[in-house]
Amino acid sequence: MKNLKLFFSALTVAFAILGLTRALSTDITLPITFVCLAITMFITAKEYSSKQEKSNAIYFGLLGTFLLIVTAYNVASMIWGI
């Protein structure tokens, strides 16, 4: 799990840097950054739940879910002009 968390954390930082330096459009990098961050939050929630720290697991699970909902709304608004 630690390697997977490290991989998605690195992807989050890499796409954030690509967006901030305008190497790629932020319309592309922002949703990818948020999805990678949400996956990192879900992995962290899984780690906390295996350590029997349920309150932290719920917090990170809700945070990951919120990030995915916001990202889905933003992508839908870019595509369909909602």
N, C-alpha and C. Protein backbone atom coordinates (compact mmCIF):
# COMPACT_ATOMS: atom_id res chain seq x y z
N MET A 1 0.81 -1.20 0.00
CA MET A 1 0.00 0.00 0.00
C MET A 1 0.85 1.26 0.00
N LYS A 2 1.99 1.18 0.65
CA LYS A 2 2.83 2.37 0.76
C LYS A 2 3.37 2.77 -0.61
N ASN A 3 3.73 1.78 -1.44
CA ASN A 3 4.23 2.10 -2.78
C ASN A 3 3.14 2.70 -3.65
N LEU A 4 1.93 2.19 -3.52
CA LEU A 4 0.81 2.72 -4.29
C LEU A 4 0.48 4.15 -3.87
N LYS A 5 0.52 4.39 -2.58
CA LYS A 5 0.28 5.75 -2.07
C LYS A 5 1.36 6.71 -2.54
N LEU A 6 2.60 6.27 -2.54
CA LEU A 6 3.71 7.09 -3.01
C LEU A 6 3.57 7.39 -4.50
N PHE A 7 3.15 6.40 -5.28
CA PHE A 7 2.97 6.58 -6.72
C PHE A 7 1.90 7.63 -7.02
N PHE A 8 0.74 7.53 -6.36
CA PHE A 8 -0.33 8.50 -6.63
C PHE A 8 -0.01 9.88 -6.06
N SER A 9 0.74 9.93 -4.98
CA SER A 9 1.19 11.23 -4.46
C SER A 9 2.13 11.90 -5.45
N ALA A 10 3.03 11.12 -6.03
CA ALA A 10 3.96 11.68 -7.02
C ALA A 10 3.21 12.14 -8.27
N LEU A 11 2.21 11.37 -8.70
CA LEU A 11 1.40 11.79 -9.85
C LEU A 11 0.66 13.09 -9.55
N THR A 12 0.14 13.22 -8.33
CA THR A 12 -0.56 14.45 -7.94
C THR A 12 0.37 15.65 -8.05
N VAL A 13 1.56 15.52 -7.51
CA VAL A 13 2.52 16.63 -7.54
C VAL A 13 2.97 16.91 -8.97
N ALA A 14 3.21 15.86 -9.75
CA ALA A 14 3.68 16.05 -11.13
C ALA A 14 2.64 16.79 -11.98
N PHE A 15 1.38 16.38 -11.88
CA PHE A 15 0.36 17.06 -12.69
C PHE A 15 0.07 18.46 -12.17
N ALA A 16 0.22 18.68 -10.87
CA ALA A 16 0.06 20.04 -10.33
C ALA A 16 1.16 20.95 -10.87
N ILE A 17 2.38 20.45 -10.92
CA ILE A 17 3.48 21.25 -11.46
C ILE A 17 3.29 21.52 -12.95
N LEU A 18 2.84 20.50 -13.69
CA LEU A 18 2.58 20.71 -15.12
C LEU A 18 1.50 21.77 -15.34
N GLY A 19 0.50 21.80 -14.48
CA GLY A 19 -0.56 22.80 -14.61
C GLY A 19 -0.10 24.18 -14.20
N LEU A 20 0.69 24.26 -13.13
CA LEU A 20 1.14 25.57 -12.65
C LEU A 20 2.15 26.22 -13.60
N THR A 21 2.97 25.41 -14.23
CA THR A 21 3.96 25.96 -15.16
C THR A 21 3.38 26.15 -16.56
N ARG A 22 2.13 25.77 -16.71
CA ARG A 22 1.41 25.87 -17.98
C ARG A 22 2.07 25.06 -19.10
N ALA A 23 2.71 23.97 -18.72
CA ALA A 23 3.22 23.04 -19.72
C ALA A 23 2.06 22.31 -20.38
N LEU A 24 1.03 22.04 -19.60
CA LEU A 24 -0.23 21.50 -20.11
C LEU A 24 -1.35 22.43 -19.64
N SER A 25 -2.45 22.38 -20.33
CA SER A 25 -3.59 23.21 -19.96
C SER A 25 -4.14 22.76 -18.60
N THR A 26 -4.60 23.73 -17.83
CA THR A 26 -5.19 23.39 -16.54
C THR A 26 -6.52 22.67 -16.70
N ASP A 27 -7.15 22.80 -17.87
CA ASP A 27 -8.37 22.03 -18.13
C ASP A 27 -8.09 20.54 -18.14
N ILE A 28 -6.86 20.17 -18.44
CA ILE A 28 -6.46 18.76 -18.47
C ILE A 28 -5.86 18.35 -17.13
N THR A 29 -4.96 19.16 -16.60
CA THR A 29 -4.20 18.75 -15.42
C THR A 29 -5.00 18.82 -14.12
N LEU A 30 -5.91 19.76 -13.99
CA LEU A 30 -6.65 19.91 -12.74
C LEU A 30 -7.51 18.69 -12.40
N PRO A 31 -8.31 18.16 -13.34
CA PRO A 31 -9.07 16.95 -12.99
C PRO A 31 -8.18 15.74 -12.69
N ILE A 32 -7.10 15.59 -13.43
CA ILE A 32 -6.20 14.47 -13.17
C ILE A 32 -5.55 14.61 -11.80
N THR A 33 -5.17 15.82 -11.44
CA THR A 33 -4.59 16.07 -10.12
C THR A 33 -5.57 15.72 -9.02
N PHE A 34 -6.82 16.15 -9.17
CA PHE A 34 -7.82 15.88 -8.14
C PHE A 34 -8.15 14.39 -8.03
N VAL A 35 -8.20 13.69 -9.15
CA VAL A 35 -8.48 12.25 -9.11
C VAL A 35 -7.33 11.51 -8.43
N CYS A 36 -6.10 11.86 -8.76
CA CYS A 36 -4.95 11.23 -8.09
C CYS A 36 -4.94 11.54 -6.60
N LEU A 37 -5.31 12.76 -6.24
CA LEU A 37 -5.38 13.12 -4.82
C LEU A 37 -6.48 12.35 -4.12
N ALA A 38 -7.62 12.17 -4.77
CA ALA A 38 -8.72 11.41 -4.18
C ALA A 38 -8.32 9.95 -3.98
N ILE A 39 -7.63 9.37 -4.95
CA ILE A 39 -7.17 7.99 -4.80
C ILE A 39 -6.19 7.88 -3.63
N THR A 40 -5.32 8.88 -3.48
CA THR A 40 -4.41 8.90 -2.34
C THR A 40 -5.18 8.97 -1.03
N MET A 41 -6.25 9.76 -1.00
CA MET A 41 -7.08 9.84 0.20
C MET A 41 -7.75 8.51 0.51
N PHE A 42 -8.22 7.79 -0.51
CA PHE A 42 -8.84 6.49 -0.29
C PHE A 42 -7.83 5.46 0.22
N ILE A 43 -6.61 5.51 -0.30
CA ILE A 43 -5.57 4.60 0.18
C ILE A 43 -5.24 4.91 1.63
N THR A 44 -5.18 6.18 1.98
CA THR A 44 -4.92 6.57 3.37
C THR A 44 -6.07 6.12 4.27
N ALA A 45 -7.30 6.23 3.79
CA ALA A 45 -8.45 5.76 4.57
C ALA A 45 -8.37 4.26 4.80
N LYS A 46 -7.95 3.53 3.80
CA LYS A 46 -7.80 2.08 3.94
C LYS A 46 -6.72 1.74 4.97
N GLU A 47 -5.63 2.49 4.96
CA GLU A 47 -4.56 2.27 5.94
C GLU A 47 -5.06 2.54 7.36
N TYR A 48 -5.80 3.62 7.54
CA TYR A 48 -6.33 3.95 8.86
C TYR A 48 -7.36 2.91 9.33
N SER A 49 -8.17 2.41 8.41
CA SER A 49 -9.16 1.42 8.83
C SER A 49 -8.50 0.11 9.23
N SER A 50 -7.38 -0.23 8.63
CA SER A 50 -6.69 -1.45 9.03
C SER A 50 -5.96 -1.27 10.36
N LYS A 51 -5.69 -0.01 10.74
CA LYS A 51 -5.07 0.28 12.04
C LYS A 51 -6.11 0.51 13.14
N GLN A 52 -7.38 0.28 12.82
CA GLN A 52 -8.48 0.45 13.77
C GLN A 52 -8.67 1.90 14.21
N GLU A 53 -8.34 2.84 13.35
CA GLU A 53 -8.61 4.26 13.62
C GLU A 53 -9.76 4.70 12.71
N LYS A 54 -10.96 4.35 13.12
CA LYS A 54 -12.14 4.53 12.27
C LYS A 54 -12.47 5.99 12.00
N SER A 55 -12.26 6.89 12.96
CA SER A 55 -12.63 8.28 12.73
C SER A 55 -11.75 8.90 11.65
N ASN A 56 -10.47 8.59 11.65
CA ASN A 56 -9.59 9.10 10.60
C ASN A 56 -9.91 8.47 9.25
N ALA A 57 -10.27 7.19 9.26
CA ALA A 57 -10.63 6.51 8.01
C ALA A 57 -11.88 7.13 7.40
N ILE A 58 -12.86 7.45 8.23
CA ILE A 58 -14.09 8.08 7.74
C ILE A 58 -13.78 9.46 7.19
N TYR A 59 -12.94 10.21 7.88
CA TYR A 59 -12.57 11.55 7.44
C TYR A 59 -11.92 11.50 6.05
N PHE A 60 -10.93 10.64 5.87
CA PHE A 60 -10.25 10.57 4.58
C PHE A 60 -11.15 9.98 3.49
N GLY A 61 -12.03 9.07 3.86
CA GLY A 61 -12.98 8.55 2.88
C GLY A 61 -13.95 9.61 2.39
N LEU A 62 -14.46 10.41 3.32
CA LEU A 62 -15.37 11.50 2.93
C LEU A 62 -14.65 12.56 2.11
N LEU A 63 -13.41 12.84 2.47
CA LEU A 63 -12.63 13.81 1.71
C LEU A 63 -12.38 13.34 0.29
N GLY A 64 -12.04 12.07 0.12
CA GLY A 64 -11.85 11.51 -1.22
C GLY A 64 -13.13 11.52 -2.03
N THR A 65 -14.24 11.20 -1.38
CA THR A 65 -15.54 11.24 -2.07
C THR A 65 -15.89 12.66 -2.50
N PHE A 66 -15.67 13.62 -1.62
CA PHE A 66 -15.94 15.02 -1.96
C PHE A 66 -15.09 15.47 -3.15
N LEU A 67 -13.82 15.10 -3.16
CA LEU A 67 -12.95 15.47 -4.28
C LEU A 67 -13.45 14.88 -5.59
N LEU A 68 -13.89 13.63 -5.56
CA LEU A 68 -14.40 13.02 -6.79
C LEU A 68 -15.70 13.67 -7.26
N ILE A 69 -16.56 14.04 -6.34
CA ILE A 69 -17.82 14.69 -6.71
C ILE A 69 -17.55 16.06 -7.33
N VAL A 70 -16.66 16.83 -6.72
CA VAL A 70 -16.32 18.15 -7.26
C VAL A 70 -15.66 18.02 -8.63
N THR A 71 -14.79 17.05 -8.78
CA THR A 71 -14.12 16.84 -10.06
C THR A 71 -15.10 16.42 -11.14
N ALA A 72 -16.03 15.53 -10.80
CA ALA A 72 -17.03 15.10 -11.78
C ALA A 72 -17.91 16.27 -12.21
N TYR A 73 -18.29 17.11 -11.26
CA TYR A 73 -19.10 18.28 -11.59
C TYR A 73 -18.33 19.25 -12.49
N ASN A 74 -17.05 19.48 -12.18
CA ASN A 74 -16.25 20.40 -13.00
C ASN A 74 -16.03 19.86 -14.41
N VAL A 75 -15.78 18.57 -14.54
CA VAL A 75 -15.61 17.99 -15.87
C VAL A 75 -16.91 18.04 -16.65
N ALA A 76 -18.03 17.75 -15.99
CA ALA A 76 -19.33 17.82 -16.66
C ALA A 76 -19.65 19.25 -17.08
N SER A 77 -19.29 20.21 -16.27
CA SER A 77 -19.57 21.60 -16.64
C SER A 77 -18.68 22.06 -17.79
N MET A 78 -17.46 21.52 -17.86
CA MET A 78 -16.60 21.86 -19.01
C MET A 78 -17.12 21.24 -20.29
N ILE A 79 -17.63 20.01 -20.20
CA ILE A 79 -18.09 19.30 -21.39
C ILE A 79 -19.45 19.81 -21.86
N TRP A 80 -20.39 19.87 -20.93
CA TRP A 80 -21.77 20.19 -21.32
C TRP A 80 -22.17 21.63 -21.01
N GLY A 81 -21.32 22.40 -20.39
CA GLY A 81 -21.64 23.78 -20.09
C GLY A 81 -22.73 23.95 -19.05
N ILE A 82 -22.69 23.12 -18.04
CA ILE A 82 -23.69 23.18 -16.96
C ILE A 82 -23.47 24.43 -16.14
